[in-house]
Structures are given as C-alpha cells and as structure tokens.
C-alpha cells in the first residue's frame, strides 16, 4: 500500500522580497524557511506540527514591524493522491 504524502499550498511574504508561492510537502517548506533565514522564524518542529495539526493557517512574525513576514498554508489534494 502506498503511503499518502500530504502537500500544502503555501505563501511566504516578507518586506523587501517578492512573495514565494509553492505546493510542496512540509519537509520542503521547512527547507525553504531554513534557506531564507527569516528573523524570528519558528523552530522547524513548530512549522511541521502546525501544518500537520491544521489543514490551513497563517503565522505572522512581528506584525507591523520592520522585519514582518508571514506564512500562509492550506493542504491540497493532488491528482492520484
């Protein structure tokens, strides 16, 4: 039996950067967050937990501040998945 891998459509928005929009697994999202090295990024375990615990959501760091950034996600069903 094939293991079901959940994918998420997600968007990262940060001041001074173009929004990043992708459809990937949580593991790939965590990799992108590590690469971006955004200020105040939540530990990767938190990102994985939040995405898996809820099929959609939003996290905003320092709303209204100079280093504000946000992550929005929603689970998606891929063809054949």
N, C-alpha and C. Protein backbone atom coordinates (compact mmCIF):
# COMPACT_ATOMS: atom_id res chain seq x y z
N UNK A 1 0.84 -1.18 0.00
CA UNK A 1 0.00 0.00 0.00
C UNK A 1 0.89 1.25 0.00
N UNK A 2 0.55 2.19 -0.84
CA UNK A 2 1.33 3.42 -0.98
C UNK A 2 1.02 4.38 0.16
N UNK A 3 2.08 4.97 0.74
CA UNK A 3 1.92 5.93 1.83
C UNK A 3 1.43 7.26 1.27
N UNK A 4 0.44 7.84 1.91
CA UNK A 4 -0.11 9.13 1.49
C UNK A 4 0.81 10.25 1.97
N UNK A 5 1.26 11.07 1.06
CA UNK A 5 2.08 12.23 1.41
C UNK A 5 1.23 13.48 1.20
N UNK A 6 1.05 14.22 2.28
CA UNK A 6 0.22 15.42 2.21
C UNK A 6 1.05 16.58 1.68
N UNK A 7 0.45 17.33 0.77
CA UNK A 7 1.09 18.51 0.20
C UNK A 7 0.33 19.76 0.66
N UNK A 8 1.06 20.85 0.68
CA UNK A 8 0.49 22.12 1.11
C UNK A 8 0.79 23.19 0.08
N UNK A 9 -0.22 24.01 -0.22
CA UNK A 9 0.00 25.23 -0.99
C UNK A 9 0.34 26.28 0.06
N UNK A 10 1.47 26.93 -0.12
CA UNK A 10 1.90 27.90 0.88
C UNK A 10 2.48 29.14 0.23
N UNK A 11 2.43 30.23 0.98
CA UNK A 11 2.97 31.52 0.54
C UNK A 11 3.76 32.13 1.68
N UNK A 12 4.97 32.58 1.37
CA UNK A 12 5.77 33.34 2.32
C UNK A 12 5.86 34.75 1.78
N UNK A 13 5.48 35.73 2.61
CA UNK A 13 5.60 37.14 2.23
C UNK A 13 6.47 37.84 3.26
N UNK A 14 7.44 38.60 2.77
CA UNK A 14 8.34 39.35 3.65
C UNK A 14 8.62 40.70 3.02
N UNK A 15 8.74 41.72 3.86
CA UNK A 15 9.04 43.06 3.35
C UNK A 15 10.34 43.04 2.56
N UNK A 16 10.31 43.69 1.40
CA UNK A 16 11.50 43.78 0.57
C UNK A 16 11.77 42.56 -0.28
N UNK A 17 10.88 41.58 -0.29
CA UNK A 17 11.03 40.36 -1.09
C UNK A 17 9.75 40.11 -1.87
N UNK A 18 9.89 39.45 -3.00
CA UNK A 18 8.71 39.00 -3.74
C UNK A 18 8.11 37.82 -2.99
N UNK A 19 6.78 37.70 -2.98
CA UNK A 19 6.16 36.54 -2.33
C UNK A 19 6.64 35.24 -2.99
N UNK A 20 6.78 34.22 -2.18
CA UNK A 20 7.16 32.89 -2.66
C UNK A 20 5.93 32.01 -2.50
N UNK A 21 5.47 31.42 -3.61
CA UNK A 21 4.30 30.55 -3.59
C UNK A 21 4.70 29.20 -4.15
N UNK A 22 4.41 28.14 -3.41
CA UNK A 22 4.77 26.79 -3.84
C UNK A 22 3.70 25.81 -3.37
N UNK A 23 3.74 24.61 -3.93
CA UNK A 23 2.99 23.46 -3.44
C UNK A 23 4.02 22.38 -3.20
N UNK A 24 4.23 22.03 -1.91
CA UNK A 24 5.25 21.05 -1.55
C UNK A 24 4.80 20.29 -0.30
N UNK A 25 5.67 19.41 0.14
CA UNK A 25 5.48 18.74 1.43
C UNK A 25 5.95 19.68 2.53
N UNK A 26 5.63 19.34 3.77
CA UNK A 26 6.10 20.13 4.91
C UNK A 26 7.62 20.14 4.94
N UNK A 27 8.24 19.01 4.62
CA UNK A 27 9.70 18.93 4.65
C UNK A 27 10.33 19.95 3.71
N UNK A 28 9.76 20.12 2.53
CA UNK A 28 10.30 21.10 1.58
C UNK A 28 10.07 22.53 2.08
N UNK A 29 8.92 22.78 2.69
CA UNK A 29 8.65 24.10 3.27
C UNK A 29 9.68 24.43 4.34
N UNK A 30 9.97 23.47 5.20
CA UNK A 30 10.96 23.66 6.26
C UNK A 30 12.32 23.99 5.65
N UNK A 31 12.69 23.30 4.58
CA UNK A 31 13.97 23.59 3.90
C UNK A 31 14.01 25.03 3.39
N UNK A 32 12.91 25.50 2.80
CA UNK A 32 12.86 26.87 2.29
C UNK A 32 13.01 27.87 3.44
N UNK A 33 12.33 27.62 4.55
CA UNK A 33 12.45 28.51 5.70
C UNK A 33 13.88 28.56 6.22
N UNK A 34 14.55 27.43 6.23
CA UNK A 34 15.96 27.40 6.66
C UNK A 34 16.83 28.24 5.73
N UNK A 35 16.61 28.09 4.43
CA UNK A 35 17.41 28.82 3.44
C UNK A 35 17.17 30.33 3.55
N UNK A 36 15.91 30.74 3.72
CA UNK A 36 15.59 32.17 3.80
C UNK A 36 16.14 32.82 5.06
N UNK A 37 16.26 32.05 6.13
CA UNK A 37 16.80 32.55 7.39
C UNK A 37 16.09 33.84 7.81
N UNK A 38 14.76 33.81 7.82
CA UNK A 38 13.96 34.97 8.20
C UNK A 38 14.10 35.25 9.69
N UNK A 39 13.98 36.52 10.09
CA UNK A 39 14.10 36.85 11.51
C UNK A 39 12.96 36.21 12.31
N UNK A 40 13.30 35.68 13.46
CA UNK A 40 12.30 35.13 14.36
C UNK A 40 11.57 33.91 13.84
N UNK A 41 12.16 33.23 12.85
CA UNK A 41 11.47 32.06 12.30
C UNK A 41 11.26 31.03 13.41
N UNK A 42 10.07 30.48 13.42
CA UNK A 42 9.74 29.47 14.42
C UNK A 42 10.59 28.23 14.18
N UNK A 43 10.87 27.49 15.24
CA UNK A 43 11.63 26.24 15.04
C UNK A 43 10.92 25.35 14.02
N UNK A 44 11.70 24.62 13.26
CA UNK A 44 11.12 23.80 12.19
C UNK A 44 10.13 22.78 12.74
N UNK A 45 10.34 22.30 13.96
CA UNK A 45 9.37 21.36 14.56
C UNK A 45 8.01 22.02 14.71
N UNK A 46 7.99 23.32 15.04
CA UNK A 46 6.73 24.04 15.18
C UNK A 46 6.02 24.12 13.83
N UNK A 47 6.77 24.45 12.77
CA UNK A 47 6.17 24.56 11.44
C UNK A 47 5.54 23.23 11.05
N UNK A 48 6.28 22.15 11.22
CA UNK A 48 5.77 20.82 10.87
C UNK A 48 4.53 20.49 11.70
N UNK A 49 4.57 20.78 13.00
CA UNK A 49 3.43 20.49 13.87
C UNK A 49 2.21 21.29 13.46
N UNK A 50 2.37 22.59 13.26
CA UNK A 50 1.23 23.45 12.91
C UNK A 50 0.60 23.04 11.59
N UNK A 51 1.42 22.74 10.60
CA UNK A 51 0.88 22.34 9.29
C UNK A 51 0.14 21.01 9.40
N UNK A 52 0.70 20.09 10.14
CA UNK A 52 0.08 18.77 10.26
C UNK A 52 -1.15 18.79 11.16
N UNK A 53 -1.18 19.71 12.12
CA UNK A 53 -2.31 19.78 13.06
C UNK A 53 -3.52 20.49 12.45
N UNK A 54 -3.28 21.34 11.48
CA UNK A 54 -4.37 22.11 10.89
C UNK A 54 -4.20 22.10 9.37
N UNK A 55 -5.29 21.92 8.65
CA UNK A 55 -5.16 21.86 7.20
C UNK A 55 -4.96 23.24 6.56
N UNK A 56 -5.09 24.29 7.37
CA UNK A 56 -4.79 25.64 6.86
C UNK A 56 -4.47 26.55 8.05
N UNK A 57 -3.77 27.63 7.75
CA UNK A 57 -3.44 28.56 8.82
C UNK A 57 -2.54 29.68 8.35
N UNK A 58 -2.19 30.55 9.29
CA UNK A 58 -1.31 31.68 8.99
C UNK A 58 -0.47 31.98 10.23
N UNK A 59 0.79 32.26 9.99
CA UNK A 59 1.71 32.71 11.04
C UNK A 59 2.28 34.04 10.58
N UNK A 60 2.26 35.05 11.45
CA UNK A 60 2.86 36.34 11.13
C UNK A 60 3.88 36.68 12.21
N UNK A 61 5.09 37.00 11.77
CA UNK A 61 6.15 37.43 12.68
C UNK A 61 6.18 38.94 12.74
N UNK A 62 6.16 39.51 13.94
CA UNK A 62 6.33 40.94 14.18
C UNK A 62 5.41 41.79 13.30
N UNK A 63 4.10 41.50 13.39
CA UNK A 63 3.13 42.22 12.56
C UNK A 63 3.27 43.73 12.73
N UNK A 64 3.43 44.43 11.61
CA UNK A 64 3.58 45.88 11.61
C UNK A 64 5.00 46.36 11.81
N UNK A 65 5.90 45.45 12.14
CA UNK A 65 7.30 45.82 12.37
C UNK A 65 8.12 45.84 11.09
N UNK A 66 9.33 46.33 11.20
CA UNK A 66 10.21 46.43 10.03
C UNK A 66 10.59 45.07 9.46
N UNK A 67 10.62 44.05 10.32
CA UNK A 67 11.02 42.72 9.84
C UNK A 67 9.83 41.76 9.77
N UNK A 68 8.62 42.32 9.54
CA UNK A 68 7.42 41.48 9.43
C UNK A 68 7.54 40.52 8.26
N UNK A 69 7.10 39.29 8.48
CA UNK A 69 6.94 38.33 7.40
C UNK A 69 5.82 37.37 7.80
N UNK A 70 5.25 36.68 6.81
CA UNK A 70 4.15 35.78 7.12
C UNK A 70 4.22 34.51 6.28
N UNK A 71 3.63 33.48 6.83
CA UNK A 71 3.50 32.18 6.16
C UNK A 71 2.03 31.80 6.21
N UNK A 72 1.44 31.53 5.04
CA UNK A 72 0.07 31.03 4.95
C UNK A 72 0.13 29.66 4.30
N UNK A 73 -0.68 28.72 4.78
CA UNK A 73 -0.67 27.39 4.19
C UNK A 73 -2.07 26.80 4.17
N UNK A 74 -2.29 25.87 3.23
CA UNK A 74 -3.51 25.08 3.16
C UNK A 74 -3.17 23.74 2.53
N UNK A 75 -3.74 22.68 3.04
CA UNK A 75 -3.47 21.36 2.47
C UNK A 75 -4.20 21.23 1.14
N UNK A 76 -3.61 20.47 0.24
CA UNK A 76 -4.20 20.27 -1.08
C UNK A 76 -4.20 18.78 -1.40
N UNK A 77 -5.15 18.39 -2.23
CA UNK A 77 -5.20 17.03 -2.73
C UNK A 77 -4.68 17.04 -4.15
N UNK A 78 -3.63 16.27 -4.37
CA UNK A 78 -3.04 16.21 -5.71
C UNK A 78 -3.66 15.05 -6.48
N UNK A 79 -3.74 15.16 -7.81
CA UNK A 79 -4.28 14.06 -8.61
C UNK A 79 -3.51 12.76 -8.31
N UNK A 80 -4.27 11.70 -8.11
CA UNK A 80 -3.65 10.41 -7.83
C UNK A 80 -3.24 10.25 -6.38
N UNK A 81 -3.49 11.29 -5.54
CA UNK A 81 -3.05 11.25 -4.15
C UNK A 81 -4.13 10.93 -3.20
